[in-house]
Every structure is written in structure tokens, then in C-alpha cells.
């Protein structure tokens, strides 16, 4: 999603400059604000944390030959 959003931003800047020139930074900022409303969602820090915990616990279970087990304290910040 990050790379696609970066590409969309770059294309929006190029399109704006091709149509209106590059001498009005305020208008460009307004144009980009409208473009940013359609960005793809990013993963949050909580999403990243949860995926790391799940991956680490799955790896631990695979290496020890046991089931995945955890309590809520391991799964929260």
C-alpha cells in the first residue's frame, strides 16, 4: 500500500504541474489534500505488533513441537 500511495502522490504532482504549472504551491497542496483522501489504508502500529507476536509464537511452537499458546498480557502493549 505504501509504494502504491507514493506512486499515486507522484502522479498527482506531475499531473498538477502539467496542467497548471509549478508556481502555485498552495493550489498544489489543496490538490494533494483531495488526492490523499483516496489513499489506501496503512497498517497501524498495533497491526504490526500483533503480527510480530503471532509470528514469533507460531515460530516458537513449530521449533518446540507444541501448540501456540499465549495469554492476553503477551498480546497487548
PDB file of N, CA and C in Angstrom:
ATOM      1  N   UNK A   1       0.822  -1.189   0.000  1.00  0.00           N
ATOM      2  CA  UNK A   1       0.000   0.000   0.000  1.00  0.00           C
ATOM      3  C   UNK A   1       0.871   1.260   0.000  1.00  0.00           C
ATOM      4  N   UNK A   2       1.998   1.206   0.741  1.00  0.00           N
ATOM      5  CA  UNK A   2       2.856   2.386   0.833  1.00  0.00           C
ATOM      6  C   UNK A   2       3.404   2.769  -0.539  1.00  0.00           C
ATOM      7  N   UNK A   3       3.928   1.793  -1.267  1.00  0.00           N
ATOM      8  CA  UNK A   3       4.512   2.082  -2.579  1.00  0.00           C
ATOM      9  C   UNK A   3       3.448   2.596  -3.550  1.00  0.00           C
ATOM     10  N   UNK A   4       2.267   2.006  -3.493  1.00  0.00           N
ATOM     11  CA  UNK A   4       1.196   2.440  -4.387  1.00  0.00           C
ATOM     12  C   UNK A   4       0.750   3.863  -4.041  1.00  0.00           C
ATOM     13  N   UNK A   5       0.658   4.177  -2.739  1.00  0.00           N
ATOM     14  CA  UNK A   5       0.299   5.538  -2.334  1.00  0.00           C
ATOM     15  C   UNK A   5       1.360   6.542  -2.767  1.00  0.00           C
ATOM     16  N   UNK A   6       2.632   6.161  -2.662  1.00  0.00           N
ATOM     17  CA  UNK A   6       3.718   7.053  -3.107  1.00  0.00           C
ATOM     18  C   UNK A   6       3.611   7.325  -4.602  1.00  0.00           C
ATOM     19  N   UNK A   7       3.322   6.269  -5.361  1.00  0.00           N
ATOM     20  CA  UNK A   7       3.184   6.432  -6.809  1.00  0.00           C
ATOM     21  C   UNK A   7       2.004   7.352  -7.134  1.00  0.00           C
ATOM     22  N   UNK A   8       0.874   7.145  -6.456  1.00  0.00           N
ATOM     23  CA  UNK A   8      -0.292   7.992  -6.696  1.00  0.00           C
ATOM     24  C   UNK A   8       0.017   9.454  -6.371  1.00  0.00           C
ATOM     25  N   UNK A   9       0.781   9.686  -5.313  1.00  0.00           N
ATOM     26  CA  UNK A   9       1.169  11.045  -4.930  1.00  0.00           C
ATOM     27  C   UNK A   9       2.046  11.670  -6.015  1.00  0.00           C
ATOM     28  N   UNK A  10       3.031  10.907  -6.477  1.00  0.00           N
ATOM     29  CA  UNK A  10       3.945  11.405  -7.511  1.00  0.00           C
ATOM     30  C   UNK A  10       3.184  11.735  -8.791  1.00  0.00           C
ATOM     31  N   UNK A  11       2.284  10.860  -9.187  1.00  0.00           N
ATOM     32  CA  UNK A  11       1.494  11.092 -10.397  1.00  0.00           C
ATOM     33  C   UNK A  11       0.600  12.318 -10.225  1.00  0.00           C
ATOM     34  N   UNK A  12       0.033  12.501  -9.030  1.00  0.00           N
ATOM     35  CA  UNK A  12      -0.818  13.669  -8.783  1.00  0.00           C
ATOM     36  C   UNK A  12      -0.019  14.960  -8.918  1.00  0.00           C
ATOM     37  N   UNK A  13       1.208  14.966  -8.402  1.00  0.00           N
ATOM     38  CA  UNK A  13       2.064  16.156  -8.524  1.00  0.00           C
ATOM     39  C   UNK A  13       2.392  16.412  -9.990  1.00  0.00           C
ATOM     40  N   UNK A  14       2.782  15.361 -10.711  1.00  0.00           N
ATOM     41  CA  UNK A  14       3.135  15.518 -12.127  1.00  0.00           C
ATOM     42  C   UNK A  14       1.942  16.004 -12.944  1.00  0.00           C
ATOM     43  N   UNK A  15       0.763  15.437 -12.692  1.00  0.00           N
ATOM     44  CA  UNK A  15      -0.435  15.861 -13.417  1.00  0.00           C
ATOM     45  C   UNK A  15      -0.770  17.321 -13.129  1.00  0.00           C
ATOM     46  N   UNK A  16      -0.688  17.703 -11.857  1.00  0.00           N
ATOM     47  CA  UNK A  16      -0.987  19.088 -11.494  1.00  0.00           C
ATOM     48  C   UNK A  16      -0.027  20.048 -12.181  1.00  0.00           C
ATOM     49  N   UNK A  17       1.262  19.732 -12.129  1.00  0.00           N
ATOM     50  CA  UNK A  17       2.256  20.613 -12.746  1.00  0.00           C
ATOM     51  C   UNK A  17       2.080  20.685 -14.257  1.00  0.00           C
ATOM     52  N   UNK A  18       1.678  19.581 -14.892  1.00  0.00           N
ATOM     53  CA  UNK A  18       1.458  19.591 -16.338  1.00  0.00           C
ATOM     54  C   UNK A  18       0.257  20.464 -16.705  1.00  0.00           C
ATOM     55  N   UNK A  19      -0.766  20.451 -15.863  1.00  0.00           N
ATOM     56  CA  UNK A  19      -1.971  21.220 -16.161  1.00  0.00           C
ATOM     57  C   UNK A  19      -1.874  22.686 -15.747  1.00  0.00           C
ATOM     58  N   UNK A  20      -1.279  22.944 -14.574  1.00  0.00           N
ATOM     59  CA  UNK A  20      -1.333  24.292 -14.004  1.00  0.00           C
ATOM     60  C   UNK A  20       0.030  24.939 -13.772  1.00  0.00           C
ATOM     61  N   UNK A  21       1.105  24.222 -14.017  1.00  0.00           N
ATOM     62  CA  UNK A  21       2.432  24.761 -13.740  1.00  0.00           C
ATOM     63  C   UNK A  21       2.824  24.524 -12.290  1.00  0.00           C
ATOM     64  N   UNK A  22       4.032  24.962 -11.968  1.00  0.00           N
ATOM     65  CA  UNK A  22       4.532  24.700 -10.615  1.00  0.00           C
ATOM     66  C   UNK A  22       4.738  25.978  -9.803  1.00  0.00           C
ATOM     67  N   UNK A  23       4.015  27.043 -10.151  1.00  0.00           N
ATOM     68  CA  UNK A  23       4.221  28.318  -9.466  1.00  0.00           C
ATOM     69  C   UNK A  23       3.169  28.629  -8.402  1.00  0.00           C
ATOM     70  N   UNK A  24       2.303  27.660  -8.063  1.00  0.00           N
ATOM     71  CA  UNK A  24       1.275  27.888  -7.040  1.00  0.00           C
ATOM     72  C   UNK A  24       1.287  26.750  -6.024  1.00  0.00           C
ATOM     73  N   UNK A  25       2.183  26.809  -5.032  1.00  0.00           N
ATOM     74  CA  UNK A  25       2.292  25.714  -4.062  1.00  0.00           C
ATOM     75  C   UNK A  25       1.034  25.523  -3.210  1.00  0.00           C
ATOM     76  N   UNK A  26       0.273  26.587  -2.969  1.00  0.00           N
ATOM     77  CA  UNK A  26      -0.955  26.455  -2.181  1.00  0.00           C
ATOM     78  C   UNK A  26      -2.000  25.632  -2.933  1.00  0.00           C
ATOM     79  N   UNK A  27      -2.141  25.885  -4.227  1.00  0.00           N
ATOM     80  CA  UNK A  27      -3.090  25.114  -5.037  1.00  0.00           C
ATOM     81  C   UNK A  27      -2.649  23.659  -5.128  1.00  0.00           C
ATOM     82  N   UNK A  28      -1.348  23.439  -5.234  1.00  0.00           N
ATOM     83  CA  UNK A  28      -0.834  22.065  -5.253  1.00  0.00           C
ATOM     84  C   UNK A  28      -1.154  21.368  -3.940  1.00  0.00           C
ATOM     85  N   UNK A  29      -0.979  22.056  -2.827  1.00  0.00           N
ATOM     86  CA  UNK A  29      -1.283  21.471  -1.517  1.00  0.00           C
ATOM     87  C   UNK A  29      -2.759  21.097  -1.414  1.00  0.00           C
ATOM     88  N   UNK A  30      -3.637  21.955  -1.913  1.00  0.00           N
ATOM     89  CA  UNK A  30      -5.073  21.656  -1.918  1.00  0.00           C
ATOM     90  C   UNK A  30      -5.371  20.438  -2.788  1.00  0.00           C
ATOM     91  N   UNK A  31      -4.739  20.388  -3.950  1.00  0.00           N
ATOM     92  CA  UNK A  31      -4.930  19.257  -4.860  1.00  0.00           C
ATOM     93  C   UNK A  31      -4.474  17.957  -4.200  1.00  0.00           C
ATOM     94  N   UNK A  32      -3.325  17.991  -3.539  1.00  0.00           N
ATOM     95  CA  UNK A  32      -2.810  16.789  -2.879  1.00  0.00           C
ATOM     96  C   UNK A  32      -3.679  16.386  -1.692  1.00  0.00           C
ATOM     97  N   UNK A  33      -4.250  17.361  -0.997  1.00  0.00           N
ATOM     98  CA  UNK A  33      -5.149  17.044   0.113  1.00  0.00           C
ATOM     99  C   UNK A  33      -6.362  16.268  -0.393  1.00  0.00           C
ATOM    100  N   UNK A  34      -6.880  16.656  -1.541  1.00  0.00           N
ATOM    101  CA  UNK A  34      -8.000  15.924  -2.140  1.00  0.00           C
ATOM    102  C   UNK A  34      -7.562  14.533  -2.587  1.00  0.00           C
ATOM    103  N   UNK A  35      -6.382  14.450  -3.170  1.00  0.00           N
ATOM    104  CA  UNK A  35      -5.862  13.165  -3.634  1.00  0.00           C
ATOM    105  C   UNK A  35      -5.635  12.223  -2.460  1.00  0.00           C
ATOM    106  N   UNK A  36      -5.159  12.756  -1.331  1.00  0.00           N
ATOM    107  CA  UNK A  36      -4.849  11.929  -0.171  1.00  0.00           C
ATOM    108  C   UNK A  36      -6.079  11.313   0.470  1.00  0.00           C
ATOM    109  N   UNK A  37      -7.252  11.838   0.179  1.00  0.00           N
ATOM    110  CA  UNK A  37      -8.481  11.252   0.721  1.00  0.00           C
ATOM    111  C   UNK A  37      -8.719   9.852   0.164  1.00  0.00           C
ATOM    112  N   UNK A  38      -8.111   9.532  -0.964  1.00  0.00           N
ATOM    113  CA  UNK A  38      -8.316   8.241  -1.620  1.00  0.00           C
ATOM    114  C   UNK A  38      -7.152   7.283  -1.422  1.00  0.00           C
ATOM    115  N   UNK A  39      -6.299   7.552  -0.440  1.00  0.00           N
ATOM    116  CA  UNK A  39      -5.145   6.683  -0.217  1.00  0.00           C
ATOM    117  C   UNK A  39      -5.590   5.324   0.315  1.00  0.00           C
ATOM    118  N   UNK A  40      -4.796   4.320   0.021  1.00  0.00           N
ATOM    119  CA  UNK A  40      -5.032   3.006   0.588  1.00  0.00           C
ATOM    120  C   UNK A  40      -4.652   3.036   2.063  1.00  0.00           C
ATOM    121  N   UNK A  41      -5.340   2.265   2.892  1.00  0.00           N
ATOM    122  CA  UNK A  41      -5.030   2.296   4.325  1.00  0.00           C
ATOM    123  C   UNK A  41      -3.692   1.642   4.627  1.00  0.00           C
ATOM    124  N   UNK A  42      -2.992   2.213   5.591  1.00  0.00           N
ATOM    125  CA  UNK A  42      -1.741   1.639   6.079  1.00  0.00           C
ATOM    126  C   UNK A  42      -2.046   0.737   7.266  1.00  0.00           C
ATOM    127  N   UNK A  43      -1.144  -0.166   7.539  1.00  0.00           N
ATOM    128  CA  UNK A  43      -1.252  -0.940   8.767  1.00  0.00           C
ATOM    129  C   UNK A  43      -0.853  -0.033   9.927  1.00  0.00           C
ATOM    130  N   UNK A  44      -1.532  -0.179  11.039  1.00  0.00           N
ATOM    131  CA  UNK A  44      -1.207   0.625  12.213  1.00  0.00           C
ATOM    132  C   UNK A  44      -0.071  -0.018  12.992  1.00  0.00           C
ATOM    133  N   UNK A  45       0.447   0.700  13.971  1.00  0.00           N
ATOM    134  CA  UNK A  45       1.488   0.131  14.818  1.00  0.00           C
ATOM    135  C   UNK A  45       0.957  -1.078  15.581  1.00  0.00           C
ATOM    136  N   UNK A  46      -0.305  -1.049  15.975  1.00  0.00           N
ATOM    137  CA  UNK A  46      -0.905  -2.195  16.670  1.00  0.00           C
ATOM    138  C   UNK A  46      -0.980  -3.398  15.737  1.00  0.00           C
ATOM    139  N   UNK A  47      -1.338  -3.190  14.471  1.00  0.00           N
ATOM    140  CA  UNK A  47      -1.365  -4.286  13.497  1.00  0.00           C
ATOM    141  C   UNK A  47       0.015  -4.915  13.362  1.00  0.00           C
ATOM    142  N   UNK A  48       1.040  -4.088  13.279  1.00  0.00           N
ATOM    143  CA  UNK A  48       2.408  -4.589  13.172  1.00  0.00           C
ATOM    144  C   UNK A  48       2.819  -5.370  14.398  1.00  0.00           C
ATOM    145  N   UNK A  49       2.505  -4.842  15.576  1.00  0.00           N
ATOM    146  CA  UNK A  49       2.846  -5.522  16.824  1.00  0.00           C
ATOM    147  C   UNK A  49       2.166  -6.885  16.895  1.00  0.00           C
ATOM    148  N   UNK A  50       0.870  -6.921  16.587  1.00  0.00           N
ATOM    149  CA  UNK A  50       0.133  -8.179  16.654  1.00  0.00           C
ATOM    150  C   UNK A  50       0.684  -9.205  15.672  1.00  0.00           C
ATOM    151  N   UNK A  51       1.052  -8.782  14.479  1.00  0.00           N
ATOM    152  CA  UNK A  51       1.590  -9.738  13.504  1.00  0.00           C
ATOM    153  C   UNK A  51       2.943 -10.279  13.956  1.00  0.00           C
ATOM    154  N   UNK A  52       3.760  -9.446  14.612  1.00  0.00           N
ATOM    155  CA  UNK A  52       5.052  -9.916  15.123  1.00  0.00           C
ATOM    156  C   UNK A  52       4.842 -10.922  16.246  1.00  0.00           C
ATOM    157  N   UNK A  53       3.910 -10.636  17.149  1.00  0.00           N
ATOM    158  CA  UNK A  53       3.638 -11.561  18.254  1.00  0.00           C
ATOM    159  C   UNK A  53       3.141 -12.897  17.720  1.00  0.00           C
ATOM    160  N   UNK A  54       2.212 -12.859  16.789  1.00  0.00           N
ATOM    161  CA  UNK A  54       1.668 -14.100  16.228  1.00  0.00           C
ATOM    162  C   UNK A  54       2.760 -14.895  15.525  1.00  0.00           C
ATOM    163  N   UNK A  55       3.585 -14.225  14.750  1.00  0.00           N
ATOM    164  CA  UNK A  55       4.669 -14.900  14.031  1.00  0.00           C
ATOM    165  C   UNK A  55       5.680 -15.500  14.995  1.00  0.00           C
ATOM    166  N   UNK A  56       6.051 -14.754  16.019  1.00  0.00           N
ATOM    167  CA  UNK A  56       7.020 -15.263  16.999  1.00  0.00           C
ATOM    168  C   UNK A  56       6.462 -16.466  17.747  1.00  0.00           C
ATOM    169  N   UNK A  57       5.198 -16.401  18.138  1.00  0.00           N
ATOM    170  CA  UNK A  57       4.588 -17.525  18.854  1.00  0.00           C
ATOM    171  C   UNK A  57       4.448 -18.745  17.944  1.00  0.00           C
ATOM    172  N   UNK A  58       4.094 -18.539  16.681  1.00  0.00           N
ATOM    173  CA  UNK A  58       3.994 -19.659  15.741  1.00  0.00           C
ATOM    174  C   UNK A  58       5.362 -20.288  15.524  1.00  0.00           C
ATOM    175  N   UNK A  59       6.391 -19.475  15.383  1.00  0.00           N
ATOM    176  CA  UNK A  59       7.747 -19.977  15.205  1.00  0.00           C
ATOM    177  C   UNK A  59       8.194 -20.771  16.434  1.00  0.00           C
ATOM    178  N   UNK A  60       7.895 -20.256  17.609  1.00  0.00           N
ATOM    179  CA  UNK A  60       8.231 -20.941  18.857  1.00  0.00           C
ATOM    180  C   UNK A  60       7.539 -22.305  18.928  1.00  0.00           C
ATOM    181  N   UNK A  61       6.269 -22.356  18.547  1.00  0.00           N
ATOM    182  CA  UNK A  61       5.523 -23.616  18.577  1.00  0.00           C
ATOM    183  C   UNK A  61       6.077 -24.613  17.563  1.00  0.00           C
ATOM    184  N   UNK A  62       6.428 -24.143  16.385  1.00  0.00           N
ATOM    185  CA  UNK A  62       6.991 -25.037  15.364  1.00  0.00           C
ATOM    186  C   UNK A  62       8.319 -25.609  15.828  1.00  0.00           C
ATOM    187  N   UNK A  63       9.183 -24.752  16.361  1.00  0.00           N
ATOM    188  CA  UNK A  63      10.507 -25.209  16.796  1.00  0.00           C
ATOM    189  C   UNK A  63      10.454 -26.141  17.996  1.00  0.00           C
ATOM    190  N   UNK A  64       9.462 -25.981  18.865  1.00  0.00           N
ATOM    191  CA  UNK A  64       9.372 -26.834  20.052  1.00  0.00           C
ATOM    192  C   UNK A  64       8.396 -27.988  19.869  1.00  0.00           C
ATOM    193  N   UNK A  65       7.650 -28.004  18.764  1.00  0.00           N
ATOM    194  CA  UNK A  65       6.693 -29.081  18.505  1.00  0.00           C
ATOM    195  C   UNK A  65       5.471 -29.010  19.402  1.00  0.00           C
ATOM    196  N   UNK A  66       5.126 -27.816  19.857  1.00  0.00           N
ATOM    197  CA  UNK A  66       3.966 -27.650  20.729  1.00  0.00           C
ATOM    198  C   UNK A  66       2.911 -26.796  20.041  1.00  0.00           C
ATOM    199  N   UNK A  67       1.802 -26.613  20.748  1.00  0.00           N
ATOM    200  CA  UNK A  67       0.730 -25.762  20.237  1.00  0.00           C
ATOM    201  C   UNK A  67       1.026 -24.302  20.539  1.00  0.00           C
ATOM    202  N   UNK A  68       0.416 -23.422  19.766  1.00  0.00           N
ATOM    203  CA  UNK A  68       0.546 -21.989  20.022  1.00  0.00           C
ATOM    204  C   UNK A  68      -0.320 -21.648  21.230  1.00  0.00           C
ATOM    205  N   UNK A  69       0.320 -21.084  22.251  1.00  0.00           N
ATOM    206  CA  UNK A  69      -0.407 -20.663  23.448  1.00  0.00           C
ATOM    207  C   UNK A  69       0.142 -19.326  23.912  1.00  0.00           C
ATOM    208  N   UNK A  70      -0.744 -18.430  24.296  1.00  0.00           N
ATOM    209  CA  UNK A  70      -0.325 -17.165  24.882  1.00  0.00           C
ATOM    210  C   UNK A  70      -1.437 -16.626  25.753  1.00  0.00           C
ATOM    211  N   UNK A  71      -1.064 -15.723  26.631  1.00  0.00           N
ATOM    212  CA  UNK A  71      -2.084 -15.045  27.423  1.00  0.00           C
ATOM    213  C   UNK A  71      -2.205 -13.604  26.937  1.00  0.00           C
ATOM    214  N   UNK A  72      -3.223 -12.938  27.384  1.00  0.00           N
ATOM    215  CA  UNK A  72      -3.513 -11.585  26.896  1.00  0.00           C
ATOM    216  C   UNK A  72      -2.380 -10.600  27.169  1.00  0.00           C
ATOM    217  N   UNK A  73      -1.596 -10.809  28.219  1.00  0.00           N
ATOM    218  CA  UNK A  73      -0.520  -9.861  28.529  1.00  0.00           C
ATOM    219  C   UNK A  73       0.555  -9.856  27.451  1.00  0.00           C
ATOM    220  N   UNK A  74       0.716 -10.946  26.734  1.00  0.00           N
ATOM    221  CA  UNK A  74       1.698 -11.009  25.655  1.00  0.00           C
ATOM    222  C   UNK A  74       1.195 -10.341  24.378  1.00  0.00           C
ATOM    223  N   UNK A  75      -0.102 -10.110  24.321  1.00  0.00           N
ATOM    224  CA  UNK A  75      -0.724  -9.647  23.088  1.00  0.00           C
ATOM    225  C   UNK A  75      -1.169  -8.191  23.152  1.00  0.00           C
ATOM    226  N   UNK A  76      -0.701  -7.466  24.147  1.00  0.00           N
ATOM    227  CA  UNK A  76      -1.084  -6.059  24.259  1.00  0.00           C
ATOM    228  C   UNK A  76       0.136  -5.216  24.586  1.00  0.00           C
ATOM    229  N   UNK A  77       0.064  -3.967  24.219  1.00  0.00           N
ATOM    230  CA  UNK A  77       1.165  -3.042  24.502  1.00  0.00           C
ATOM    231  C   UNK A  77       1.039  -2.477  25.896  1.00  0.00           C
TER     232      UNK A  77
END
